Amino acid sequence: MLISYIIIDATETLTQESDRFLEFNELLCVGVSTTYDNAIDLILEKKPQLIFFHFSNEIPLHLLLNIQQYLEKLPYVIALNDTDAHAYKALKHGVMDYVLMPFLESELRKSVLKFIKFYKDNSIEKLCIKSNGDYHFIPLDDIIYLKADNNTTDFYLQSGKVISGFKTMKFFEGQLPFYFFRVHNSYIVNIKFVTRINLGKFDCFLFDNIHKIPFSRTYRENIDAIIKRIG
């Protein structure tokens, strides 16, 4: 399971401390923002599960009220500040936890572990695929990759089974978590199963090199993101 997070911090203090997050293998940073407007754009674009928000005069708590008008549900927010005087105000703005800065490593660890437990307890781990009148409920971790086939989508699973869903890949793409990457107009891969990437031949190997699929220049940015994560 991978969980996406972003950092919002005008002072860049958290960015300088980003190594603190490396011990949590479940977490993947998908963006950092140091300005108010960019923070809003980043949240709406990446839709992270977790936000580390070092609020300040430059990026105040009001940001959270602003984004609530665009999202059905506010992401889990861990607020950080150099005084506990703002803790009650932060909670009223919808944050789920509050950490004083400069933070102790043990306090940050407890806050993150509490979030991970919350996320696991509340996350949806299966995808519903309608196929030939049947409804298949497939664990997300069993899906190696998706292949578009006209107006249907084939799901390749760890078991070797292939299930065809009678919807376009664009439809399913909107339901998949962030660790599924589109690498080609016809392919989406689960980053957990990527075992090799050949940049010269534009090939991506999955599931101990059992599957080989192409990637295109159009999605080279996603390939670079996969390499960065695995590397």
C-alpha atoms as a PDB file:
ATOM      1  CA  MET A   1       0.000   0.000   0.000  1.00  0.00           C
ATOM      2  CA  LEU A   2       1.291   3.434  -0.970  1.00  0.00           C
ATOM      3  CA  ILE A   3      -0.089   6.671   0.454  1.00  0.00           C
ATOM      4  CA  SER A   4       0.452  10.016  -1.260  1.00  0.00           C
ATOM      5  CA  TYR A   5       1.310  13.160   0.639  1.00  0.00           C
ATOM      6  CA  ILE A   6       2.247  16.766  -0.064  1.00  0.00           C
ATOM      7  CA  ILE A   7       4.094  19.373   1.989  1.00  0.00           C
ATOM      8  CA  ILE A   8       2.818  22.949   2.296  1.00  0.00           C
ATOM      9  CA  ASP A   9       5.369  25.251   3.899  1.00  0.00           C
ATOM     10  CA  ALA A  10       6.280  28.818   2.943  1.00  0.00           C
ATOM     11  CA  THR A  11       9.419  28.644   5.097  1.00  0.00           C
ATOM     12  CA  GLU A  12      10.667  25.394   3.460  1.00  0.00           C
ATOM     13  CA  THR A  13      11.531  24.097   6.934  1.00  0.00           C
ATOM     14  CA  LEU A  14       9.712  20.806   6.324  1.00  0.00           C
ATOM     15  CA  THR A  15      11.376  20.374   2.943  1.00  0.00           C
ATOM     16  CA  GLN A  16      14.751  20.574   4.636  1.00  0.00           C
ATOM     17  CA  GLU A  17      13.556  17.928   7.107  1.00  0.00           C
ATOM     18  CA  SER A  18      12.079  15.654   4.410  1.00  0.00           C
ATOM     19  CA  ASP A  19      14.522  12.841   5.245  1.00  0.00           C
ATOM     20  CA  ARG A  20      12.456  12.324   8.390  1.00  0.00           C
ATOM     21  CA  PHE A  21       9.685  10.854   6.214  1.00  0.00           C
ATOM     22  CA  LEU A  22      11.866   8.239   4.527  1.00  0.00           C
ATOM     23  CA  GLU A  23      11.376   5.709   7.325  1.00  0.00           C
ATOM     24  CA  PHE A  24       7.708   5.410   6.353  1.00  0.00           C
ATOM     25  CA  ASN A  25       7.777   3.132   3.315  1.00  0.00           C
ATOM     26  CA  GLU A  26       4.038   3.555   2.855  1.00  0.00           C
ATOM     27  CA  LEU A  27       4.390   7.294   2.129  1.00  0.00           C
ATOM     28  CA  LEU A  28       5.177   8.832  -1.260  1.00  0.00           C
ATOM     29  CA  CYS A  29       5.697  12.588  -1.660  1.00  0.00           C
ATOM     30  CA  VAL A  30       3.863  13.844  -4.759  1.00  0.00           C
ATOM     31  CA  GLY A  31       4.511  17.560  -4.356  1.00  0.00           C
ATOM     32  CA  VAL A  32       5.788  20.486  -2.305  1.00  0.00           C
ATOM     33  CA  SER A  33       4.338  23.993  -2.243  1.00  0.00           C
ATOM     34  CA  THR A  34       5.653  27.231  -0.775  1.00  0.00           C
ATOM     35  CA  THR A  35       2.863  29.611  -1.879  1.00  0.00           C
ATOM     36  CA  TYR A  36      -0.857  29.886  -1.184  1.00  0.00           C
ATOM     37  CA  ASP A  37      -2.138  29.682  -4.763  1.00  0.00           C
ATOM     38  CA  ASN A  38       0.227  26.890  -5.745  1.00  0.00           C
ATOM     39  CA  ALA A  39      -0.816  24.923  -2.662  1.00  0.00           C
ATOM     40  CA  ILE A  40      -4.454  25.013  -3.760  1.00  0.00           C
ATOM     41  CA  ASP A  41      -3.544  23.933  -7.305  1.00  0.00           C
ATOM     42  CA  LEU A  42      -1.346  21.132  -5.972  1.00  0.00           C
ATOM     43  CA  ILE A  43      -4.074  19.738  -3.703  1.00  0.00           C
ATOM     44  CA  LEU A  44      -6.697  19.807  -6.449  1.00  0.00           C
ATOM     45  CA  GLU A  45      -4.348  18.258  -9.008  1.00  0.00           C
ATOM     46  CA  LYS A  46      -2.714  15.534  -6.907  1.00  0.00           C
ATOM     47  CA  LYS A  47      -5.602  14.825  -4.498  1.00  0.00           C
ATOM     48  CA  PRO A  48      -3.237  13.529  -1.795  1.00  0.00           C
ATOM     49  CA  GLN A  49      -4.358  11.341   1.076  1.00  0.00           C
ATOM     50  CA  LEU A  50      -2.183  13.303   3.527  1.00  0.00           C
ATOM     51  CA  ILE A  51      -1.057  16.930   3.858  1.00  0.00           C
ATOM     52  CA  PHE A  52       1.741  18.176   6.089  1.00  0.00           C
ATOM     53  CA  PHE A  53       0.746  21.822   6.553  1.00  0.00           C
ATOM     54  CA  HIS A  54       3.155  24.237   8.246  1.00  0.00           C
ATOM     55  CA  PHE A  55       0.734  27.145   8.376  1.00  0.00           C
ATOM     56  CA  SER A  56       1.930  30.732   8.694  1.00  0.00           C
ATOM     57  CA  ASN A  57       1.001  34.297   7.776  1.00  0.00           C
ATOM     58  CA  GLU A  58       2.067  33.544   4.190  1.00  0.00           C
ATOM     59  CA  ILE A  59      -0.107  30.410   3.976  1.00  0.00           C
ATOM     60  CA  PRO A  60      -2.793  30.668   6.675  1.00  0.00           C
ATOM     61  CA  LEU A  61      -5.276  28.062   7.895  1.00  0.00           C
ATOM     62  CA  HIS A  62      -7.936  29.700   5.737  1.00  0.00           C
ATOM     63  CA  LEU A  63      -6.468  27.678   2.876  1.00  0.00           C
ATOM     64  CA  LEU A  64      -8.317  24.621   4.198  1.00  0.00           C
ATOM     65  CA  LEU A  65     -11.686  26.379   4.084  1.00  0.00           C
ATOM     66  CA  ASN A  66     -10.940  27.463   0.546  1.00  0.00           C
ATOM     67  CA  ILE A  67     -10.257  23.990  -0.820  1.00  0.00           C
ATOM     68  CA  GLN A  68     -13.309  22.467   0.874  1.00  0.00           C
ATOM     69  CA  GLN A  69     -15.531  24.177  -1.685  1.00  0.00           C
ATOM     70  CA  TYR A  70     -13.869  22.118  -4.441  1.00  0.00           C
ATOM     71  CA  LEU A  71     -13.470  18.709  -2.776  1.00  0.00           C
ATOM     72  CA  GLU A  72     -16.057  16.287  -1.452  1.00  0.00           C
ATOM     73  CA  LYS A  73     -13.777  15.468   1.457  1.00  0.00           C
ATOM     74  CA  LEU A  74     -10.797  17.252   2.968  1.00  0.00           C
ATOM     75  CA  PRO A  75      -7.598  15.164   2.968  1.00  0.00           C
ATOM     76  CA  TYR A  76      -6.109  14.136   6.297  1.00  0.00           C
ATOM     77  CA  VAL A  77      -4.162  17.189   7.473  1.00  0.00           C
ATOM     78  CA  ILE A  78      -1.323  17.195   9.999  1.00  0.00           C
ATOM     79  CA  ALA A  79      -0.831  20.827  10.968  1.00  0.00           C
ATOM     80  CA  LEU A  80       2.519  22.111  12.213  1.00  0.00           C
ATOM     81  CA  ASN A  81       3.256  25.379  13.973  1.00  0.00           C
ATOM     82  CA  ASP A  82       5.744  26.827  16.442  1.00  0.00           C
ATOM     83  CA  THR A  83       3.144  27.475  19.143  1.00  0.00           C
ATOM     84  CA  ASP A  84       0.294  25.492  20.658  1.00  0.00           C
ATOM     85  CA  ALA A  85      -1.812  28.667  20.892  1.00  0.00           C
ATOM     86  CA  HIS A  86      -3.247  27.955  17.438  1.00  0.00           C
ATOM     87  CA  ALA A  87      -4.086  24.287  18.052  1.00  0.00           C
ATOM     88  CA  TYR A  88      -7.793  24.809  18.770  1.00  0.00           C
ATOM     89  CA  LYS A  89      -8.187  27.096  15.741  1.00  0.00           C
ATOM     90  CA  ALA A  90      -6.463  24.522  13.558  1.00  0.00           C
ATOM     91  CA  LEU A  91      -8.798  21.750  14.711  1.00  0.00           C
ATOM     92  CA  LYS A  92     -11.787  23.981  13.941  1.00  0.00           C
ATOM     93  CA  HIS A  93     -10.448  24.315  10.404  1.00  0.00           C
ATOM     94  CA  GLY A  94     -10.532  20.545   9.930  1.00  0.00           C
ATOM     95  CA  VAL A  95      -7.004  19.367  10.706  1.00  0.00           C
ATOM     96  CA  MET A  96      -6.736  15.875  12.183  1.00  0.00           C
ATOM     97  CA  ASP A  97      -3.529  16.273  14.178  1.00  0.00           C
ATOM     98  CA  TYR A  98      -1.238  19.020  15.453  1.00  0.00           C
ATOM     99  CA  VAL A  99       2.537  18.921  15.912  1.00  0.00           C
ATOM    100  CA  LEU A 100       4.655  21.633  17.514  1.00  0.00           C
ATOM    101  CA  MET A 101       7.769  22.879  15.721  1.00  0.00           C
ATOM    102  CA  PRO A 102      10.616  22.365  15.947  1.00  0.00           C
ATOM    103  CA  PHE A 103       9.225  18.873  16.263  1.00  0.00           C
ATOM    104  CA  LEU A 104      10.639  15.902  18.081  1.00  0.00           C
ATOM    105  CA  GLU A 105      11.173  12.919  15.795  1.00  0.00           C
ATOM    106  CA  SER A 106       9.126  10.750  18.161  1.00  0.00           C
ATOM    107  CA  GLU A 107       6.142  13.143  17.988  1.00  0.00           C
ATOM    108  CA  LEU A 108       6.187  13.214  14.194  1.00  0.00           C
ATOM    109  CA  ARG A 109       6.437   9.414  14.097  1.00  0.00           C
ATOM    110  CA  LYS A 110       3.418   9.005  16.381  1.00  0.00           C
ATOM    111  CA  SER A 111       1.387  11.439  14.315  1.00  0.00           C
ATOM    112  CA  VAL A 112       2.219   9.680  11.031  1.00  0.00           C
ATOM    113  CA  LEU A 113       1.589   6.195  12.453  1.00  0.00           C
ATOM    114  CA  LYS A 114      -1.787   7.357  13.755  1.00  0.00           C
ATOM    115  CA  PHE A 115      -2.653   8.552  10.251  1.00  0.00           C
ATOM    116  CA  ILE A 116      -1.520   5.288   8.625  1.00  0.00           C
ATOM    117  CA  LYS A 117      -3.754   3.321  10.980  1.00  0.00           C
ATOM    118  CA  PHE A 118      -6.658   5.657  10.192  1.00  0.00           C
ATOM    119  CA  TYR A 119      -6.049   5.296   6.461  1.00  0.00           C
ATOM    120  CA  LYS A 120      -5.896   1.507   6.547  1.00  0.00           C
ATOM    121  CA  ASP A 121      -9.097   1.341   8.587  1.00  0.00           C
ATOM    122  CA  ASN A 122     -10.979   3.569   6.136  1.00  0.00           C
ATOM    123  CA  SER A 123      -9.470   2.810   2.729  1.00  0.00           C
ATOM    124  CA  ILE A 124     -11.261   0.989  -0.080  1.00  0.00           C
ATOM    125  CA  GLU A 125      -9.047  -1.866  -1.215  1.00  0.00           C
ATOM    126  CA  LYS A 126     -11.148  -3.416  -3.974  1.00  0.00           C
ATOM    127  CA  LEU A 127     -12.319  -2.332  -7.420  1.00  0.00           C
ATOM    128  CA  CYS A 128     -15.695  -3.381  -8.813  1.00  0.00           C
ATOM    129  CA  ILE A 129     -15.505  -4.588 -12.424  1.00  0.00           C
ATOM    130  CA  LYS A 130     -18.659  -5.497 -14.343  1.00  0.00           C
ATOM    131  CA  SER A 131     -18.026  -8.215 -16.914  1.00  0.00           C
ATOM    132  CA  ASN A 132     -20.571 -10.339 -18.797  1.00  0.00           C
ATOM    133  CA  GLY A 133     -23.273  -9.724 -16.214  1.00  0.00           C
ATOM    134  CA  ASP A 134     -20.912 -10.577 -13.342  1.00  0.00           C
ATOM    135  CA  TYR A 135     -19.583  -8.138 -10.779  1.00  0.00           C
ATOM    136  CA  HIS A 136     -15.971  -8.880  -9.863  1.00  0.00           C
ATOM    137  CA  PHE A 137     -14.576  -7.297  -6.695  1.00  0.00           C
ATOM    138  CA  ILE A 138     -10.834  -7.293  -7.283  1.00  0.00           C
ATOM    139  CA  PRO A 139      -8.267  -6.355  -4.616  1.00  0.00           C
ATOM    140  CA  LEU A 140      -6.232  -3.438  -5.953  1.00  0.00           C
ATOM    141  CA  ASP A 141      -3.005  -5.158  -4.914  1.00  0.00           C
ATOM    142  CA  ASP A 142      -3.829  -8.063  -7.265  1.00  0.00           C
ATOM    143  CA  ILE A 143      -3.926  -5.884 -10.394  1.00  0.00           C
ATOM    144  CA  ILE A 144      -0.618  -5.907 -12.305  1.00  0.00           C
ATOM    145  CA  TYR A 145      -1.699  -3.699 -15.201  1.00  0.00           C
ATOM    146  CA  LEU A 146      -4.615  -2.583 -17.343  1.00  0.00           C
ATOM    147  CA  LYS A 147      -4.818  -2.741 -21.125  1.00  0.00           C
ATOM    148  CA  ALA A 148      -7.302  -0.777 -23.228  1.00  0.00           C
ATOM    149  CA  ASP A 149      -9.201  -2.760 -25.860  1.00  0.00           C
ATOM    150  CA  ASN A 150     -11.530  -0.435 -27.761  1.00  0.00           C
ATOM    151  CA  ASN A 151     -14.378   0.309 -25.329  1.00  0.00           C
ATOM    152  CA  THR A 152     -13.390  -2.388 -22.836  1.00  0.00           C
ATOM    153  CA  THR A 153     -10.479  -2.726 -20.414  1.00  0.00           C
ATOM    154  CA  ASP A 154      -8.545  -5.896 -19.634  1.00  0.00           C
ATOM    155  CA  PHE A 155      -7.246  -6.352 -16.071  1.00  0.00           C
ATOM    156  CA  TYR A 156      -4.183  -8.611 -15.727  1.00  0.00           C
ATOM    157  CA  LEU A 157      -4.007 -10.178 -12.264  1.00  0.00           C
ATOM    158  CA  GLN A 158      -1.325 -11.904 -10.181  1.00  0.00           C
ATOM    159  CA  SER A 159      -3.192 -15.197 -10.508  1.00  0.00           C
ATOM    160  CA  GLY A 160      -2.741 -15.118 -14.288  1.00  0.00           C
ATOM    161  CA  LYS A 161      -6.426 -14.379 -14.869  1.00  0.00           C
ATOM    162  CA  VAL A 162      -7.515 -11.630 -17.220  1.00  0.00           C
ATOM    163  CA  ILE A 163     -10.843  -9.948 -16.507  1.00  0.00           C
ATOM    164  CA  SER A 164     -12.462  -7.679 -19.075  1.00  0.00           C
ATOM    165  CA  GLY A 165     -14.452  -4.716 -17.804  1.00  0.00           C
ATOM    166  CA  PHE A 166     -17.058  -3.174 -20.074  1.00  0.00           C
ATOM    167  CA  LYS A 167     -15.882   0.382 -19.527  1.00  0.00           C
ATOM    168  CA  THR A 168     -13.124   2.455 -21.094  1.00  0.00           C
ATOM    169  CA  MET A 169      -9.731   2.663 -19.438  1.00  0.00           C
ATOM    170  CA  LYS A 170     -10.313   6.370 -18.870  1.00  0.00           C
ATOM    171  CA  PHE A 171     -13.316   5.446 -16.713  1.00  0.00           C
ATOM    172  CA  PHE A 172     -11.313   3.026 -14.554  1.00  0.00           C
ATOM    173  CA  GLU A 173      -8.334   5.385 -14.368  1.00  0.00           C
ATOM    174  CA  GLY A 174     -10.460   7.814 -12.375  1.00  0.00           C
ATOM    175  CA  GLN A 175     -11.171   5.099  -9.768  1.00  0.00           C
ATOM    176  CA  LEU A 176      -7.624   3.872  -9.277  1.00  0.00           C
ATOM    177  CA  PRO A 177      -5.327   5.091  -6.477  1.00  0.00           C
ATOM    178  CA  PHE A 178      -2.312   7.241  -7.278  1.00  0.00           C
ATOM    179  CA  TYR A 179       0.169   4.349  -7.457  1.00  0.00           C
ATOM    180  CA  PHE A 180      -1.318   3.250 -10.790  1.00  0.00           C
ATOM    181  CA  PHE A 181       0.562   5.083 -13.555  1.00  0.00           C
ATOM    182  CA  ARG A 182      -0.486   5.480 -17.174  1.00  0.00           C
ATOM    183  CA  VAL A 183       2.596   4.776 -19.288  1.00  0.00           C
ATOM    184  CA  HIS A 184       0.935   4.516 -22.710  1.00  0.00           C
ATOM    185  CA  ASN A 185      -2.402   5.367 -24.291  1.00  0.00           C
ATOM    186  CA  SER A 186      -3.306   1.692 -23.902  1.00  0.00           C
ATOM    187  CA  TYR A 187      -1.602   0.753 -20.621  1.00  0.00           C
ATOM    188  CA  ILE A 188      -1.754   1.591 -16.919  1.00  0.00           C
ATOM    189  CA  VAL A 189       0.657  -0.165 -14.558  1.00  0.00           C
ATOM    190  CA  ASN A 190       0.661  -0.837 -10.830  1.00  0.00           C
ATOM    191  CA  ILE A 191       3.996   0.586  -9.672  1.00  0.00           C
ATOM    192  CA  LYS A 192       4.317  -2.234  -7.121  1.00  0.00           C
ATOM    193  CA  PHE A 193       4.883  -4.765  -9.902  1.00  0.00           C
ATOM    194  CA  VAL A 194       7.436  -2.824 -11.954  1.00  0.00           C
ATOM    195  CA  THR A 195      10.701  -4.815 -11.959  1.00  0.00           C
ATOM    196  CA  ARG A 196      12.632  -3.319 -14.893  1.00  0.00           C
ATOM    197  CA  ILE A 197      12.489  -0.343 -17.251  1.00  0.00           C
ATOM    198  CA  ASN A 198      14.435  -0.131 -20.518  1.00  0.00           C
ATOM    199  CA  LEU A 199      14.596   3.507 -21.549  1.00  0.00           C
ATOM    200  CA  GLY A 200      16.324   2.736 -24.843  1.00  0.00           C
ATOM    201  CA  LYS A 201      13.661   0.323 -26.085  1.00  0.00           C
ATOM    202  CA  PHE A 202      10.736   2.028 -24.300  1.00  0.00           C
ATOM    203  CA  ASP A 203       9.819  -1.190 -22.496  1.00  0.00           C
ATOM    204  CA  CYS A 204       8.450  -1.675 -18.987  1.00  0.00           C
ATOM    205  CA  PHE A 205       8.732  -5.097 -17.326  1.00  0.00           C
ATOM    206  CA  LEU A 206       6.324  -6.240 -14.639  1.00  0.00           C
ATOM    207  CA  PHE A 207       5.901  -9.065 -12.130  1.00  0.00           C
ATOM    208  CA  ASP A 208       9.462 -10.490 -12.159  1.00  0.00           C
ATOM    209  CA  ASN A 209       9.778  -9.648 -15.870  1.00  0.00           C
ATOM    210  CA  ILE A 210       6.911 -11.970 -16.838  1.00  0.00           C
ATOM    211  CA  HIS A 211       5.049  -9.140 -18.565  1.00  0.00           C
ATOM    212  CA  LYS A 212       6.618  -6.677 -21.011  1.00  0.00           C
ATOM    213  CA  ILE A 213       4.604  -3.663 -22.106  1.00  0.00           C
ATOM    214  CA  PRO A 214       5.597  -0.543 -24.048  1.00  0.00           C
ATOM    215  CA  PHE A 215       5.646   2.999 -22.762  1.00  0.00           C
ATOM    216  CA  SER A 216       5.485   6.126 -24.898  1.00  0.00           C
ATOM    217  CA  ARG A 217       7.290   9.481 -24.905  1.00  0.00           C
ATOM    218  CA  THR A 218       3.997  11.140 -24.037  1.00  0.00           C
ATOM    219  CA  TYR A 219       4.103   9.532 -20.593  1.00  0.00           C
ATOM    220  CA  ARG A 220       7.870   9.793 -20.018  1.00  0.00           C
ATOM    221  CA  GLU A 221       7.205  12.006 -16.974  1.00  0.00           C
ATOM    222  CA  ASN A 222       5.306   9.122 -15.347  1.00  0.00           C
ATOM    223  CA  ILE A 223       8.146   6.727 -16.155  1.00  0.00           C
ATOM    224  CA  ASP A 224      10.599   9.127 -14.488  1.00  0.00           C
ATOM    225  CA  ALA A 225       8.306   9.257 -11.421  1.00  0.00           C
ATOM    226  CA  ILE A 226       8.300   5.439 -11.243  1.00  0.00           C
ATOM    227  CA  ILE A 227      12.092   5.293 -11.497  1.00  0.00           C
ATOM    228  CA  LYS A 228      12.455   7.926  -8.791  1.00  0.00           C
ATOM    229  CA  ARG A 229      10.144   6.008  -6.459  1.00  0.00           C
ATOM    230  CA  ILE A 230      11.717   2.599  -7.014  1.00  0.00           C
ATOM    231  CA  GLY A 231      15.246   3.976  -7.025  1.00  0.00           C
END
